[in-house]
């Protein structure tokens, strides 16, 4: 089982929900739910040897959040998510 992927996918989805509640950002809600689901389903598929969806979802999130961190310079939440997505992408790309 890919527990890290399930936990991370859930946190991404909850983060999107928090972004919507705090700032009214519909794009945060949509992207959080879509990418969180992609990461979680990717974790399930990785349990059976298929890393494509989990890796792709993490790379997309990495690109978006690294760009946001570069623009704002704020570690929370963009830098943290970029760092965590990097770790997860390395984890999925390990083999």
N, C-alpha and C. Protein backbone atom coordinates (compact mmCIF):
# COMPACT_ATOMS: atom_id res chain seq x y z
N UNK A 1 0.84 -1.19 0.00
CA UNK A 1 0.00 0.00 0.00
C UNK A 1 0.88 1.25 0.00
N UNK A 2 0.44 2.23 -0.69
CA UNK A 2 1.16 3.49 -0.82
C UNK A 2 0.54 4.53 0.12
N UNK A 3 0.76 4.35 1.41
CA UNK A 3 0.12 5.21 2.40
C UNK A 3 0.50 6.68 2.25
N UNK A 4 1.76 6.95 1.91
CA UNK A 4 2.18 8.34 1.75
C UNK A 4 1.35 9.03 0.66
N UNK A 5 1.10 8.31 -0.41
CA UNK A 5 0.31 8.87 -1.51
C UNK A 5 -1.12 9.16 -1.10
N UNK A 6 -1.71 8.23 -0.34
CA UNK A 6 -3.09 8.45 0.13
C UNK A 6 -3.17 9.67 1.05
N UNK A 7 -2.22 9.75 1.97
CA UNK A 7 -2.22 10.88 2.92
C UNK A 7 -1.98 12.18 2.18
N UNK A 8 -1.01 12.20 1.28
CA UNK A 8 -0.70 13.41 0.54
C UNK A 8 -1.87 13.83 -0.35
N UNK A 9 -2.48 12.88 -1.04
CA UNK A 9 -3.64 13.20 -1.88
C UNK A 9 -4.78 13.80 -1.07
N UNK A 10 -5.01 13.24 0.11
CA UNK A 10 -6.05 13.78 1.00
C UNK A 10 -5.71 15.20 1.45
N UNK A 11 -4.44 15.42 1.80
CA UNK A 11 -4.03 16.76 2.23
C UNK A 11 -4.14 17.78 1.10
N UNK A 12 -3.83 17.38 -0.11
CA UNK A 12 -3.97 18.28 -1.26
C UNK A 12 -5.44 18.65 -1.47
N UNK A 13 -6.33 17.66 -1.40
CA UNK A 13 -7.76 17.92 -1.56
C UNK A 13 -8.29 18.83 -0.45
N UNK A 14 -7.88 18.56 0.78
CA UNK A 14 -8.31 19.40 1.91
C UNK A 14 -7.74 20.81 1.76
N UNK A 15 -6.50 20.91 1.28
CA UNK A 15 -5.92 22.23 1.03
C UNK A 15 -6.71 23.03 0.01
N UNK A 16 -7.19 22.38 -1.02
CA UNK A 16 -8.03 23.06 -2.00
C UNK A 16 -9.33 23.54 -1.39
N UNK A 17 -9.90 22.72 -0.52
CA UNK A 17 -11.12 23.10 0.18
C UNK A 17 -10.87 24.30 1.10
N UNK A 18 -9.75 24.28 1.80
CA UNK A 18 -9.40 25.40 2.69
C UNK A 18 -9.20 26.68 1.87
N UNK A 19 -8.54 26.57 0.71
CA UNK A 19 -8.36 27.73 -0.15
C UNK A 19 -9.69 28.31 -0.60
N UNK A 20 -10.65 27.45 -0.85
CA UNK A 20 -11.98 27.92 -1.24
C UNK A 20 -12.69 28.59 -0.07
N UNK A 21 -12.63 27.98 1.10
CA UNK A 21 -13.33 28.53 2.27
C UNK A 21 -12.72 29.86 2.70
N UNK A 22 -11.39 29.95 2.73
CA UNK A 22 -10.72 31.15 3.21
C UNK A 22 -10.74 32.30 2.21
N UNK A 23 -10.54 31.97 0.93
CA UNK A 23 -10.39 33.03 -0.06
C UNK A 23 -11.46 33.02 -1.14
N UNK A 24 -12.36 32.05 -1.09
CA UNK A 24 -13.40 31.96 -2.11
C UNK A 24 -12.86 31.53 -3.46
N UNK A 25 -11.68 30.89 -3.49
CA UNK A 25 -11.03 30.52 -4.73
C UNK A 25 -11.59 29.21 -5.27
N UNK A 26 -12.38 29.33 -6.33
CA UNK A 26 -12.94 28.13 -6.95
C UNK A 26 -11.86 27.32 -7.65
N UNK A 27 -10.83 27.99 -8.18
CA UNK A 27 -9.75 27.26 -8.84
C UNK A 27 -8.96 26.43 -7.82
N UNK A 28 -8.81 26.94 -6.59
CA UNK A 28 -8.14 26.15 -5.54
C UNK A 28 -8.95 24.91 -5.22
N UNK A 29 -10.25 25.08 -5.13
CA UNK A 29 -11.13 23.94 -4.84
C UNK A 29 -11.03 22.90 -5.96
N UNK A 30 -11.19 23.35 -7.19
CA UNK A 30 -11.17 22.43 -8.32
C UNK A 30 -9.82 21.74 -8.47
N UNK A 31 -8.75 22.53 -8.44
CA UNK A 31 -7.43 21.92 -8.63
C UNK A 31 -7.06 21.02 -7.46
N UNK A 32 -7.41 21.42 -6.24
CA UNK A 32 -7.14 20.59 -5.07
C UNK A 32 -7.86 19.25 -5.15
N UNK A 33 -9.13 19.30 -5.53
CA UNK A 33 -9.90 18.06 -5.63
C UNK A 33 -9.42 17.18 -6.78
N UNK A 34 -9.14 17.77 -7.93
CA UNK A 34 -8.69 16.99 -9.08
C UNK A 34 -7.31 16.39 -8.83
N UNK A 35 -6.36 17.22 -8.38
CA UNK A 35 -5.01 16.71 -8.16
C UNK A 35 -4.94 15.79 -6.95
N UNK A 36 -5.70 16.11 -5.90
CA UNK A 36 -5.75 15.24 -4.73
C UNK A 36 -6.29 13.87 -5.08
N UNK A 37 -7.33 13.86 -5.92
CA UNK A 37 -7.88 12.59 -6.38
C UNK A 37 -6.88 11.85 -7.26
N UNK A 38 -6.21 12.59 -8.15
CA UNK A 38 -5.20 11.98 -9.02
C UNK A 38 -4.06 11.36 -8.22
N UNK A 39 -3.63 12.07 -7.18
CA UNK A 39 -2.56 11.55 -6.33
C UNK A 39 -3.03 10.31 -5.58
N UNK A 40 -4.24 10.36 -5.04
CA UNK A 40 -4.76 9.22 -4.28
C UNK A 40 -5.01 8.00 -5.17
N UNK A 41 -5.63 8.21 -6.32
CA UNK A 41 -5.84 7.09 -7.25
C UNK A 41 -4.49 6.59 -7.77
N UNK A 42 -3.57 7.52 -7.99
CA UNK A 42 -2.22 7.13 -8.40
C UNK A 42 -1.54 6.27 -7.35
N UNK A 43 -1.77 6.58 -6.07
CA UNK A 43 -1.20 5.76 -4.99
C UNK A 43 -1.79 4.36 -5.03
N UNK A 44 -3.09 4.27 -5.27
CA UNK A 44 -3.73 2.96 -5.38
C UNK A 44 -3.13 2.16 -6.54
N UNK A 45 -2.99 2.83 -7.70
CA UNK A 45 -2.44 2.15 -8.87
C UNK A 45 -0.98 1.77 -8.67
N UNK A 46 -0.25 2.60 -7.92
CA UNK A 46 1.17 2.30 -7.65
C UNK A 46 1.31 1.02 -6.82
N UNK A 47 0.29 0.73 -6.03
CA UNK A 47 0.31 -0.51 -5.26
C UNK A 47 0.36 -1.74 -6.17
N UNK A 48 -0.06 -1.54 -7.42
CA UNK A 48 -0.08 -2.63 -8.40
C UNK A 48 0.95 -2.42 -9.50
N UNK A 49 1.89 -1.50 -9.27
CA UNK A 49 3.00 -1.33 -10.19
C UNK A 49 2.85 -0.24 -11.23
N UNK A 50 1.75 0.48 -11.27
CA UNK A 50 1.53 1.52 -12.26
C UNK A 50 1.75 2.89 -11.62
N UNK A 51 2.85 3.56 -11.95
CA UNK A 51 3.18 4.82 -11.29
C UNK A 51 2.79 6.06 -12.09
N UNK A 52 2.28 5.89 -13.30
CA UNK A 52 2.05 7.01 -14.21
C UNK A 52 1.17 8.11 -13.66
N UNK A 53 0.00 7.77 -13.16
CA UNK A 53 -0.94 8.79 -12.69
C UNK A 53 -0.41 9.52 -11.46
N UNK A 54 0.13 8.79 -10.51
CA UNK A 54 0.68 9.43 -9.31
C UNK A 54 1.84 10.34 -9.64
N UNK A 55 2.73 9.88 -10.51
CA UNK A 55 3.88 10.68 -10.90
C UNK A 55 3.45 11.92 -11.65
N UNK A 56 2.54 11.77 -12.60
CA UNK A 56 2.06 12.92 -13.39
C UNK A 56 1.36 13.94 -12.51
N UNK A 57 0.50 13.50 -11.60
CA UNK A 57 -0.21 14.42 -10.71
C UNK A 57 0.76 15.20 -9.84
N UNK A 58 1.77 14.52 -9.32
CA UNK A 58 2.76 15.19 -8.49
C UNK A 58 3.61 16.17 -9.29
N UNK A 59 3.96 15.83 -10.52
CA UNK A 59 4.74 16.73 -11.35
C UNK A 59 3.95 17.98 -11.73
N UNK A 60 2.67 17.82 -12.00
CA UNK A 60 1.82 18.98 -12.30
C UNK A 60 1.76 19.90 -11.08
N UNK A 61 1.49 19.31 -9.92
CA UNK A 61 1.40 20.10 -8.70
C UNK A 61 2.74 20.76 -8.39
N UNK A 62 3.83 20.05 -8.61
CA UNK A 62 5.17 20.61 -8.41
C UNK A 62 5.38 21.83 -9.29
N UNK A 63 5.05 21.72 -10.57
CA UNK A 63 5.25 22.84 -11.50
C UNK A 63 4.45 24.07 -11.09
N UNK A 64 3.19 23.86 -10.73
CA UNK A 64 2.32 24.98 -10.34
C UNK A 64 2.82 25.63 -9.06
N UNK A 65 3.12 24.83 -8.05
CA UNK A 65 3.50 25.39 -6.76
C UNK A 65 4.92 25.95 -6.76
N UNK A 66 5.83 25.35 -7.51
CA UNK A 66 7.18 25.91 -7.61
C UNK A 66 7.13 27.28 -8.29
N UNK A 67 6.29 27.41 -9.30
CA UNK A 67 6.12 28.71 -9.97
C UNK A 67 5.51 29.73 -9.01
N UNK A 68 4.53 29.32 -8.24
CA UNK A 68 3.91 30.22 -7.27
C UNK A 68 4.92 30.65 -6.20
N UNK A 69 5.72 29.69 -5.73
CA UNK A 69 6.74 30.01 -4.74
C UNK A 69 7.77 30.98 -5.31
N UNK A 70 8.16 30.76 -6.56
CA UNK A 70 9.11 31.65 -7.22
C UNK A 70 8.57 33.08 -7.31
N UNK A 71 7.29 33.20 -7.58
CA UNK A 71 6.67 34.53 -7.71
C UNK A 71 6.47 35.22 -6.38
N UNK A 72 6.04 34.48 -5.35
CA UNK A 72 5.69 35.09 -4.07
C UNK A 72 6.82 35.04 -3.04
N UNK A 73 7.67 34.03 -3.12
CA UNK A 73 8.72 33.86 -2.13
C UNK A 73 8.21 33.35 -0.79
N UNK A 74 6.93 33.02 -0.72
CA UNK A 74 6.33 32.53 0.53
C UNK A 74 6.41 31.00 0.59
N UNK A 75 7.02 30.51 1.67
CA UNK A 75 7.17 29.07 1.81
C UNK A 75 5.83 28.38 2.05
N UNK A 76 4.94 29.03 2.78
CA UNK A 76 3.63 28.44 3.08
C UNK A 76 2.57 29.06 2.19
N UNK A 77 1.80 28.30 1.49
CA UNK A 77 1.85 26.85 1.33
C UNK A 77 2.66 26.40 0.11
N UNK A 78 2.95 27.35 -0.80
CA UNK A 78 3.51 26.96 -2.10
C UNK A 78 4.85 26.23 -1.99
N UNK A 79 5.77 26.74 -1.19
CA UNK A 79 7.08 26.11 -1.06
C UNK A 79 6.99 24.74 -0.44
N UNK A 80 6.15 24.60 0.57
CA UNK A 80 5.99 23.31 1.23
C UNK A 80 5.39 22.27 0.28
N UNK A 81 4.38 22.67 -0.47
CA UNK A 81 3.75 21.75 -1.42
C UNK A 81 4.74 21.39 -2.54
N UNK A 82 5.51 22.37 -3.01
CA UNK A 82 6.51 22.09 -4.05
C UNK A 82 7.55 21.10 -3.53
N UNK A 83 8.00 21.29 -2.31
CA UNK A 83 8.99 20.39 -1.72
C UNK A 83 8.42 18.98 -1.53
N UNK A 84 7.19 18.91 -1.04
CA UNK A 84 6.55 17.61 -0.83
C UNK A 84 6.27 16.91 -2.16
N UNK A 85 5.84 17.67 -3.16
CA UNK A 85 5.60 17.08 -4.48
C UNK A 85 6.89 16.58 -5.10
N UNK A 86 7.98 17.30 -4.87
CA UNK A 86 9.29 16.83 -5.35
C UNK A 86 9.63 15.50 -4.71
N UNK A 87 9.44 15.41 -3.40
CA UNK A 87 9.73 14.16 -2.68
C UNK A 87 8.87 13.02 -3.20
N UNK A 88 7.59 13.29 -3.42
CA UNK A 88 6.70 12.23 -3.90
C UNK A 88 7.05 11.82 -5.34
N UNK A 89 7.43 12.79 -6.17
CA UNK A 89 7.82 12.46 -7.55
C UNK A 89 9.08 11.59 -7.55
N UNK A 90 10.03 11.91 -6.69
CA UNK A 90 11.23 11.07 -6.57
C UNK A 90 10.85 9.68 -6.08
N UNK A 91 9.95 9.63 -5.10
CA UNK A 91 9.50 8.36 -4.56
C UNK A 91 8.87 7.48 -5.65
N UNK A 92 8.01 8.08 -6.48
CA UNK A 92 7.37 7.31 -7.54
C UNK A 92 8.35 6.99 -8.66
N UNK A 93 9.29 7.89 -8.91
CA UNK A 93 10.23 7.67 -9.99
C UNK A 93 11.40 6.75 -9.64
N UNK A 94 11.41 6.27 -8.42
CA UNK A 94 12.53 5.46 -7.93
C UNK A 94 12.66 4.12 -8.67
N UNK A 95 11.64 3.69 -9.30
CA UNK A 95 11.79 2.39 -9.95
C UNK A 95 10.62 2.03 -10.69
